[in-house]
Amino acid sequence: MLEIKDLTVHFDGALALNNVSLSVRDKEFVAVVGPNGAGKTSLLRAISGLLTETQTAAREHPHLSGTITLMGERVDKLKPHQIVRRGIVHCPERRRLFSEMTVQENLEMGAYLHHDQIRKETELAFKLFPVLKEREHQMAGTLSGGEQQMLAIARALMSKPKLLLIDEPSLGLAPLLKGEMFERVKEIHRLGVTVLLVEQDVSVALDIADRIYVLAHGRIVTEGKPVELMKNTDVREIYLGI
């Protein structure tokens, strides 16, 4: 479904990603793990087109090279809204909700491509995240951290993604809420959505992903199935911290 070849990203001379290549097959659950500053967020923002769009607005000038294709079509030159229309939907780090809008209004914003199916998609969101139904008319900014993360994922689902990008969903969550939230992410995958997850909690990635890429200093240092990575002592100790 997704094919990235030799993706390199510079920020005003600083190298964020260095010849990164990876792939995600249809219906697969792939995780990218690595320490802070490894380039994980830059990777997702490059895929969704947000990197160039937001950094240009901030008067920074990122330079991207390499190719990103979705089902054989190049998307690396498209605008973010065009990429969403192709089926790639990004649930960003730190949620980025419309804090002064209600839960329902945030969900409706996520469904701007599918206004005729808002009711159907909202019912699915509430089925996956029942607490959001209870908070339907509550302002998003007043939700707990865990509820906000659930809303961010639910809002992304409203765009009916073929490929869902999720950036650090466990950030700042208590262990109990983290476990509940990832159960919902696994359920989304079981519904047929292809998932590319960026996550710093390696134990979670090892538990739920079909394959894992390890990113360090802007480069892919290794990849494989969780069981394969766990058999490699150097990978376990140096890159997975186990």
C-alpha atoms as a PDB file:
ATOM      1  CA  MET A   1       0.000   0.000   0.000  1.00  0.00           C
ATOM      2  CA  LEU A   2       2.668   2.498   1.073  1.00  0.00           C
ATOM      3  CA  GLU A   3       6.176   2.557  -0.377  1.00  0.00           C
ATOM      4  CA  ILE A   4       8.837   5.032   0.736  1.00  0.00           C
ATOM      5  CA  LYS A   5      12.177   5.056  -1.055  1.00  0.00           C
ATOM      6  CA  ASP A   6      15.272   7.041  -0.052  1.00  0.00           C
ATOM      7  CA  LEU A   7      13.346   9.727   1.831  1.00  0.00           C
ATOM      8  CA  THR A   8      15.726  12.432   3.040  1.00  0.00           C
ATOM      9  CA  VAL A   9      14.633  15.558   4.935  1.00  0.00           C
ATOM     10  CA  HIS A  10      16.815  18.581   5.740  1.00  0.00           C
ATOM     11  CA  PHE A  11      15.766  21.504   7.958  1.00  0.00           C
ATOM     12  CA  ASP A  12      17.933  24.510   7.107  1.00  0.00           C
ATOM     13  CA  GLY A  13      20.977  22.245   6.960  1.00  0.00           C
ATOM     14  CA  ALA A  14      20.006  19.899   9.815  1.00  0.00           C
ATOM     15  CA  LEU A  15      19.378  16.317   8.708  1.00  0.00           C
ATOM     16  CA  ALA A  16      16.097  14.897  10.068  1.00  0.00           C
ATOM     17  CA  LEU A  17      15.747  11.791   7.860  1.00  0.00           C
ATOM     18  CA  ASN A  18      18.544  10.138   5.913  1.00  0.00           C
ATOM     19  CA  ASN A  19      17.655   7.832   2.988  1.00  0.00           C
ATOM     20  CA  VAL A  20      14.718   6.195   4.786  1.00  0.00           C
ATOM     21  CA  SER A  21      12.996   3.373   2.921  1.00  0.00           C
ATOM     22  CA  LEU A  22      10.067   1.389   4.262  1.00  0.00           C
ATOM     23  CA  SER A  23       6.855  -0.244   3.128  1.00  0.00           C
ATOM     24  CA  VAL A  24       3.433  -1.017   4.568  1.00  0.00           C
ATOM     25  CA  ARG A  25       1.278  -3.714   3.022  1.00  0.00           C
ATOM     26  CA  ASP A  26      -2.486  -3.567   2.755  1.00  0.00           C
ATOM     27  CA  LYS A  27      -4.187  -4.424   6.087  1.00  0.00           C
ATOM     28  CA  GLU A  28      -0.819  -4.550   7.873  1.00  0.00           C
ATOM     29  CA  PHE A  29      -0.006  -3.008  11.262  1.00  0.00           C
ATOM     30  CA  VAL A  30       3.489  -1.496  11.162  1.00  0.00           C
ATOM     31  CA  ALA A  31       5.215   0.384  13.973  1.00  0.00           C
ATOM     32  CA  VAL A  32       8.200   2.733  13.876  1.00  0.00           C
ATOM     33  CA  VAL A  33      10.072   2.971  17.170  1.00  0.00           C
ATOM     34  CA  GLY A  34      13.097   4.942  18.289  1.00  0.00           C
ATOM     35  CA  PRO A  35      14.301   7.542  20.786  1.00  0.00           C
ATOM     36  CA  ASN A  36      13.310  11.198  20.915  1.00  0.00           C
ATOM     37  CA  GLY A  37      14.824  13.108  18.027  1.00  0.00           C
ATOM     38  CA  ALA A  38      15.131  10.019  15.824  1.00  0.00           C
ATOM     39  CA  GLY A  39      12.917  11.546  13.128  1.00  0.00           C
ATOM     40  CA  LYS A  40       9.709   9.599  13.767  1.00  0.00           C
ATOM     41  CA  THR A  41       7.356  12.590  13.713  1.00  0.00           C
ATOM     42  CA  SER A  42       9.108  14.075  10.678  1.00  0.00           C
ATOM     43  CA  LEU A  43       8.527  10.777   8.883  1.00  0.00           C
ATOM     44  CA  LEU A  44       4.753  10.840   9.429  1.00  0.00           C
ATOM     45  CA  ARG A  45       4.496  14.526   8.593  1.00  0.00           C
ATOM     46  CA  ALA A  46       6.389  13.950   5.361  1.00  0.00           C
ATOM     47  CA  ILE A  47       3.981  11.143   4.398  1.00  0.00           C
ATOM     48  CA  SER A  48       0.881  13.251   5.092  1.00  0.00           C
ATOM     49  CA  GLY A  49       2.244  16.420   3.454  1.00  0.00           C
ATOM     50  CA  LEU A  50       2.136  18.366   6.710  1.00  0.00           C
ATOM     51  CA  LEU A  51       5.888  18.746   6.953  1.00  0.00           C
ATOM     52  CA  THR A  52       6.280  21.048   3.975  1.00  0.00           C
ATOM     53  CA  GLU A  53       2.979  22.853   4.615  1.00  0.00           C
ATOM     54  CA  THR A  54       3.481  23.710   8.290  1.00  0.00           C
ATOM     55  CA  GLN A  55       7.200  24.377   8.171  1.00  0.00           C
ATOM     56  CA  THR A  56       6.806  26.764   5.248  1.00  0.00           C
ATOM     57  CA  ALA A  57       4.208  28.651   7.294  1.00  0.00           C
ATOM     58  CA  ALA A  58       6.775  28.847  10.108  1.00  0.00           C
ATOM     59  CA  ARG A  59       9.328  30.293   7.662  1.00  0.00           C
ATOM     60  CA  GLU A  60      11.516  27.237   7.836  1.00  0.00           C
ATOM     61  CA  HIS A  61      12.559  25.642   4.589  1.00  0.00           C
ATOM     62  CA  PRO A  62      12.663  21.853   4.670  1.00  0.00           C
ATOM     63  CA  HIS A  63      14.101  20.079   1.668  1.00  0.00           C
ATOM     64  CA  LEU A  64      12.639  16.672   0.844  1.00  0.00           C
ATOM     65  CA  SER A  65      13.997  14.136  -1.615  1.00  0.00           C
ATOM     66  CA  GLY A  66      13.014  10.567  -2.384  1.00  0.00           C
ATOM     67  CA  THR A  67       9.587   9.146  -3.254  1.00  0.00           C
ATOM     68  CA  ILE A  68       6.404   8.294  -1.367  1.00  0.00           C
ATOM     69  CA  THR A  69       3.769   6.239  -3.184  1.00  0.00           C
ATOM     70  CA  LEU A  70       0.326   5.072  -2.128  1.00  0.00           C
ATOM     71  CA  MET A  71      -0.954   2.078  -4.094  1.00  0.00           C
ATOM     72  CA  GLY A  72       1.473   2.934  -6.877  1.00  0.00           C
ATOM     73  CA  GLU A  73       0.630   6.651  -7.080  1.00  0.00           C
ATOM     74  CA  ARG A  74       3.199   9.232  -6.008  1.00  0.00           C
ATOM     75  CA  VAL A  75       1.861  11.478  -3.246  1.00  0.00           C
ATOM     76  CA  ASP A  76       5.024  13.266  -2.121  1.00  0.00           C
ATOM     77  CA  LYS A  77       4.235  16.312  -4.282  1.00  0.00           C
ATOM     78  CA  LEU A  78       0.600  16.624  -3.178  1.00  0.00           C
ATOM     79  CA  LYS A  79      -0.963  19.028  -0.683  1.00  0.00           C
ATOM     80  CA  PRO A  80      -2.205  17.601   2.646  1.00  0.00           C
ATOM     81  CA  HIS A  81      -5.894  17.805   1.682  1.00  0.00           C
ATOM     82  CA  GLN A  82      -5.148  15.967  -1.569  1.00  0.00           C
ATOM     83  CA  ILE A  83      -3.327  13.248   0.361  1.00  0.00           C
ATOM     84  CA  VAL A  84      -6.328  12.846   2.682  1.00  0.00           C
ATOM     85  CA  ARG A  85      -8.534  12.384  -0.367  1.00  0.00           C
ATOM     86  CA  ARG A  86      -6.224   9.557  -1.488  1.00  0.00           C
ATOM     87  CA  GLY A  87      -6.850   7.796   1.834  1.00  0.00           C
ATOM     88  CA  ILE A  88      -3.908   8.727   4.105  1.00  0.00           C
ATOM     89  CA  VAL A  89      -5.115  10.265   7.372  1.00  0.00           C
ATOM     90  CA  HIS A  90      -2.772  11.558  10.078  1.00  0.00           C
ATOM     91  CA  CYS A  91      -3.584  11.523  13.807  1.00  0.00           C
ATOM     92  CA  PRO A  92      -0.858  13.911  15.031  1.00  0.00           C
ATOM     93  CA  GLU A  93       1.259  14.009  18.148  1.00  0.00           C
ATOM     94  CA  ARG A  94      -0.368  15.922  21.047  1.00  0.00           C
ATOM     95  CA  ARG A  95      -3.861  15.461  19.534  1.00  0.00           C
ATOM     96  CA  ARG A  96      -4.319  18.923  17.914  1.00  0.00           C
ATOM     97  CA  LEU A  97      -8.043  19.041  18.677  1.00  0.00           C
ATOM     98  CA  PHE A  98     -10.353  22.016  18.249  1.00  0.00           C
ATOM     99  CA  SER A  99     -10.468  22.660  21.996  1.00  0.00           C
ATOM    100  CA  GLU A 100     -13.356  25.144  21.942  1.00  0.00           C
ATOM    101  CA  MET A 101     -15.570  22.825  19.901  1.00  0.00           C
ATOM    102  CA  THR A 102     -17.588  19.945  21.284  1.00  0.00           C
ATOM    103  CA  VAL A 103     -16.741  16.276  20.824  1.00  0.00           C
ATOM    104  CA  GLN A 104     -19.461  15.999  18.182  1.00  0.00           C
ATOM    105  CA  GLU A 105     -18.198  19.073  16.323  1.00  0.00           C
ATOM    106  CA  ASN A 106     -14.650  17.713  16.283  1.00  0.00           C
ATOM    107  CA  LEU A 107     -15.922  14.477  14.777  1.00  0.00           C
ATOM    108  CA  GLU A 108     -17.869  16.394  12.146  1.00  0.00           C
ATOM    109  CA  MET A 109     -14.716  18.313  11.203  1.00  0.00           C
ATOM    110  CA  GLY A 110     -13.014  14.983  10.594  1.00  0.00           C
ATOM    111  CA  ALA A 111     -15.790  13.963   8.212  1.00  0.00           C
ATOM    112  CA  TYR A 112     -15.519  16.937   5.866  1.00  0.00           C
ATOM    113  CA  LEU A 113     -14.978  14.568   2.934  1.00  0.00           C
ATOM    114  CA  HIS A 114     -18.001  12.435   3.817  1.00  0.00           C
ATOM    115  CA  HIS A 115     -20.782  14.752   4.997  1.00  0.00           C
ATOM    116  CA  ASP A 116     -23.411  12.316   3.754  1.00  0.00           C
ATOM    117  CA  GLN A 117     -22.061   9.593   6.062  1.00  0.00           C
ATOM    118  CA  ILE A 118     -21.527  11.557   9.278  1.00  0.00           C
ATOM    119  CA  ARG A 119     -24.181   9.638  11.211  1.00  0.00           C
ATOM    120  CA  LYS A 120     -22.801   6.241  10.200  1.00  0.00           C
ATOM    121  CA  GLU A 121     -19.196   7.156  10.960  1.00  0.00           C
ATOM    122  CA  THR A 122     -20.160   8.834  14.252  1.00  0.00           C
ATOM    123  CA  GLU A 123     -21.944   5.667  15.354  1.00  0.00           C
ATOM    124  CA  LEU A 124     -18.777   3.687  14.655  1.00  0.00           C
ATOM    125  CA  ALA A 125     -16.656   6.205  16.607  1.00  0.00           C
ATOM    126  CA  PHE A 126     -18.997   5.998  19.595  1.00  0.00           C
ATOM    127  CA  LYS A 127     -19.010   2.194  19.407  1.00  0.00           C
ATOM    128  CA  LEU A 128     -15.214   2.114  19.509  1.00  0.00           C
ATOM    129  CA  PHE A 129     -14.957   4.836  22.159  1.00  0.00           C
ATOM    130  CA  PRO A 130     -18.132   4.743  24.311  1.00  0.00           C
ATOM    131  CA  VAL A 131     -16.818   7.469  26.622  1.00  0.00           C
ATOM    132  CA  LEU A 132     -17.028   9.925  23.709  1.00  0.00           C
ATOM    133  CA  LYS A 133     -20.753   9.289  23.452  1.00  0.00           C
ATOM    134  CA  GLU A 134     -21.061  10.272  27.113  1.00  0.00           C
ATOM    135  CA  ARG A 135     -19.089  13.464  26.376  1.00  0.00           C
ATOM    136  CA  GLU A 136     -20.785  14.211  23.055  1.00  0.00           C
ATOM    137  CA  HIS A 137     -21.696  17.809  23.907  1.00  0.00           C
ATOM    138  CA  GLN A 138     -18.655  18.560  26.066  1.00  0.00           C
ATOM    139  CA  MET A 139     -15.901  20.916  24.896  1.00  0.00           C
ATOM    140  CA  ALA A 140     -12.883  18.960  23.703  1.00  0.00           C
ATOM    141  CA  GLY A 141     -10.512  21.110  25.744  1.00  0.00           C
ATOM    142  CA  THR A 142     -12.165  19.969  28.982  1.00  0.00           C
ATOM    143  CA  LEU A 143     -11.644  16.246  28.348  1.00  0.00           C
ATOM    144  CA  SER A 144      -8.987  14.240  30.153  1.00  0.00           C
ATOM    145  CA  GLY A 145      -5.757  13.435  28.310  1.00  0.00           C
ATOM    146  CA  GLY A 146      -6.906   9.900  27.543  1.00  0.00           C
ATOM    147  CA  GLU A 147     -10.291  11.074  26.296  1.00  0.00           C
ATOM    148  CA  GLN A 148      -8.638  13.684  24.091  1.00  0.00           C
ATOM    149  CA  GLN A 149      -6.414  11.019  22.520  1.00  0.00           C
ATOM    150  CA  MET A 150      -9.446   8.836  21.857  1.00  0.00           C
ATOM    151  CA  LEU A 151     -11.202  11.782  20.253  1.00  0.00           C
ATOM    152  CA  ALA A 152      -8.185  12.529  18.063  1.00  0.00           C
ATOM    153  CA  ILE A 153      -8.155   8.948  16.760  1.00  0.00           C
ATOM    154  CA  ALA A 154     -11.927   8.929  16.329  1.00  0.00           C
ATOM    155  CA  ARG A 155     -11.784  12.208  14.390  1.00  0.00           C
ATOM    156  CA  ALA A 156      -9.170  10.698  12.063  1.00  0.00           C
ATOM    157  CA  LEU A 157     -11.428   7.693  11.481  1.00  0.00           C
ATOM    158  CA  MET A 158     -14.233   9.985  10.339  1.00  0.00           C
ATOM    159  CA  SER A 159     -12.226  10.541   7.114  1.00  0.00           C
ATOM    160  CA  LYS A 160     -12.496   6.778   6.387  1.00  0.00           C
ATOM    161  CA  PRO A 161      -8.746   6.206   6.011  1.00  0.00           C
ATOM    162  CA  LYS A 162      -7.171   3.468   3.963  1.00  0.00           C
ATOM    163  CA  LEU A 163      -3.941   4.140   5.842  1.00  0.00           C
ATOM    164  CA  LEU A 164      -4.077   5.608   9.353  1.00  0.00           C
ATOM    165  CA  LEU A 165      -0.928   7.329  10.660  1.00  0.00           C
ATOM    166  CA  ILE A 166      -0.846   7.582  14.468  1.00  0.00           C
ATOM    167  CA  ASP A 167       1.892   9.605  16.174  1.00  0.00           C
ATOM    168  CA  GLU A 168       2.818   8.829  19.814  1.00  0.00           C
ATOM    169  CA  PRO A 169      -0.728   8.098  21.073  1.00  0.00           C
ATOM    170  CA  SER A 170       0.505   6.961  24.506  1.00  0.00           C
ATOM    171  CA  LEU A 171       2.232  10.281  25.237  1.00  0.00           C
ATOM    172  CA  GLY A 172       1.353  11.440  28.745  1.00  0.00           C
ATOM    173  CA  LEU A 173      -1.164   8.680  29.440  1.00  0.00           C
ATOM    174  CA  ALA A 174      -1.389   6.590  32.609  1.00  0.00           C
ATOM    175  CA  PRO A 175      -0.726   2.859  32.074  1.00  0.00           C
ATOM    176  CA  LEU A 176      -4.377   1.867  32.483  1.00  0.00           C
ATOM    177  CA  LEU A 177      -5.599   4.434  29.950  1.00  0.00           C
ATOM    178  CA  LYS A 178      -2.752   3.510  27.610  1.00  0.00           C
ATOM    179  CA  GLY A 179      -3.820  -0.135  27.622  1.00  0.00           C
ATOM    180  CA  GLU A 180      -7.453   0.745  26.967  1.00  0.00           C
ATOM    181  CA  MET A 181      -6.564   3.091  24.133  1.00  0.00           C
ATOM    182  CA  PHE A 182      -4.354   0.550  22.368  1.00  0.00           C
ATOM    183  CA  GLU A 183      -7.104  -2.055  22.616  1.00  0.00           C
ATOM    184  CA  ARG A 184      -9.233   0.328  20.550  1.00  0.00           C
ATOM    185  CA  VAL A 185      -6.385   0.821  18.061  1.00  0.00           C
ATOM    186  CA  LYS A 186      -6.151  -2.948  17.629  1.00  0.00           C
ATOM    187  CA  GLU A 187      -9.902  -3.073  17.058  1.00  0.00           C
ATOM    188  CA  ILE A 188      -9.583  -0.399  14.345  1.00  0.00           C
ATOM    189  CA  HIS A 189      -6.963  -2.569  12.645  1.00  0.00           C
ATOM    190  CA  ARG A 190      -9.226  -5.614  12.890  1.00  0.00           C
ATOM    191  CA  LEU A 191     -11.902  -3.612  11.074  1.00  0.00           C
ATOM    192  CA  GLY A 192      -9.585  -3.545   8.040  1.00  0.00           C
ATOM    193  CA  VAL A 193      -7.733  -0.242   8.428  1.00  0.00           C
ATOM    194  CA  THR A 194      -4.021  -0.339   7.611  1.00  0.00           C
ATOM    195  CA  VAL A 195      -2.034   1.298  10.437  1.00  0.00           C
ATOM    196  CA  LEU A 196       1.390   2.940  10.601  1.00  0.00           C
ATOM    197  CA  LEU A 197       2.131   3.730  14.235  1.00  0.00           C
ATOM    198  CA  VAL A 198       4.957   5.845  15.649  1.00  0.00           C
ATOM    199  CA  GLU A 199       5.510   4.972  19.281  1.00  0.00           C
ATOM    200  CA  GLN A 200       8.219   5.480  21.894  1.00  0.00           C
ATOM    201  CA  ASP A 201       6.838   2.745  24.166  1.00  0.00           C
ATOM    202  CA  VAL A 202       8.615  -0.228  22.601  1.00  0.00           C
ATOM    203  CA  SER A 203       6.716  -2.806  24.680  1.00  0.00           C
ATOM    204  CA  VAL A 204       3.426  -1.666  23.143  1.00  0.00           C
ATOM    205  CA  ALA A 205       4.821  -1.833  19.602  1.00  0.00           C
ATOM    206  CA  LEU A 206       6.201  -5.321  20.178  1.00  0.00           C
ATOM    207  CA  ASP A 207       2.811  -6.447  21.429  1.00  0.00           C
ATOM    208  CA  ILE A 208       0.559  -5.152  18.663  1.00  0.00           C
ATOM    209  CA  ALA A 209       2.555  -4.642  15.430  1.00  0.00           C
ATOM    210  CA  ASP A 210       2.999  -7.131  12.592  1.00  0.00           C
ATOM    211  CA  ARG A 211       6.373  -5.587  11.736  1.00  0.00           C
ATOM    212  CA  ILE A 212       8.606  -2.974  13.340  1.00  0.00           C
ATOM    213  CA  TYR A 213      11.103  -0.495  11.939  1.00  0.00           C
ATOM    214  CA  VAL A 214      13.736   0.881  14.311  1.00  0.00           C
ATOM    215  CA  LEU A 215      14.661   4.496  13.534  1.00  0.00           C
ATOM    216  CA  ALA A 216      17.744   6.140  15.053  1.00  0.00           C
ATOM    217  CA  HIS A 217      19.512   9.365  14.074  1.00  0.00           C
ATOM    218  CA  GLY A 218      17.241   9.701  11.061  1.00  0.00           C
ATOM    219  CA  ARG A 219      18.059   6.265   9.627  1.00  0.00           C
ATOM    220  CA  ILE A 220      16.340   2.878   9.626  1.00  0.00           C
ATOM    221  CA  VAL A 221      18.802   0.680  11.524  1.00  0.00           C
ATOM    222  CA  THR A 222      16.826  -2.565  11.386  1.00  0.00           C
ATOM    223  CA  GLU A 223      13.362  -3.961  10.739  1.00  0.00           C
ATOM    224  CA  GLY A 224      11.507  -7.222  11.199  1.00  0.00           C
ATOM    225  CA  LYS A 225       8.747  -9.022  13.024  1.00  0.00           C
ATOM    226  CA  PRO A 226       8.684  -8.493  16.806  1.00  0.00           C
ATOM    227  CA  VAL A 227       9.802 -12.062  17.518  1.00  0.00           C
ATOM    228  CA  GLU A 228      12.786 -11.632  15.161  1.00  0.00           C
ATOM    229  CA  LEU A 229      13.911  -8.386  16.781  1.00  0.00           C
ATOM    230  CA  MET A 230      13.643  -9.903  20.243  1.00  0.00           C
ATOM    231  CA  LYS A 231      16.020 -12.695  19.254  1.00  0.00           C
ATOM    232  CA  ASN A 232      18.755 -10.187  18.377  1.00  0.00           C
ATOM    233  CA  THR A 233      20.609  -9.326  21.593  1.00  0.00           C
ATOM    234  CA  ASP A 234      22.257  -6.175  20.185  1.00  0.00           C
ATOM    235  CA  VAL A 235      18.929  -4.827  18.864  1.00  0.00           C
ATOM    236  CA  ARG A 236      17.221  -5.577  22.175  1.00  0.00           C
ATOM    237  CA  GLU A 237      19.838  -3.810  24.262  1.00  0.00           C
ATOM    238  CA  ILE A 238      20.926  -0.920  22.038  1.00  0.00           C
ATOM    239  CA  TYR A 239      17.735   0.065  20.221  1.00  0.00           C
ATOM    240  CA  LEU A 240      14.844  -1.430  22.179  1.00  0.00           C
ATOM    241  CA  GLY A 241      16.223  -0.798  25.659  1.00  0.00           C
ATOM    242  CA  ILE A 242      15.388  -4.335  26.805  1.00  0.00           C
END
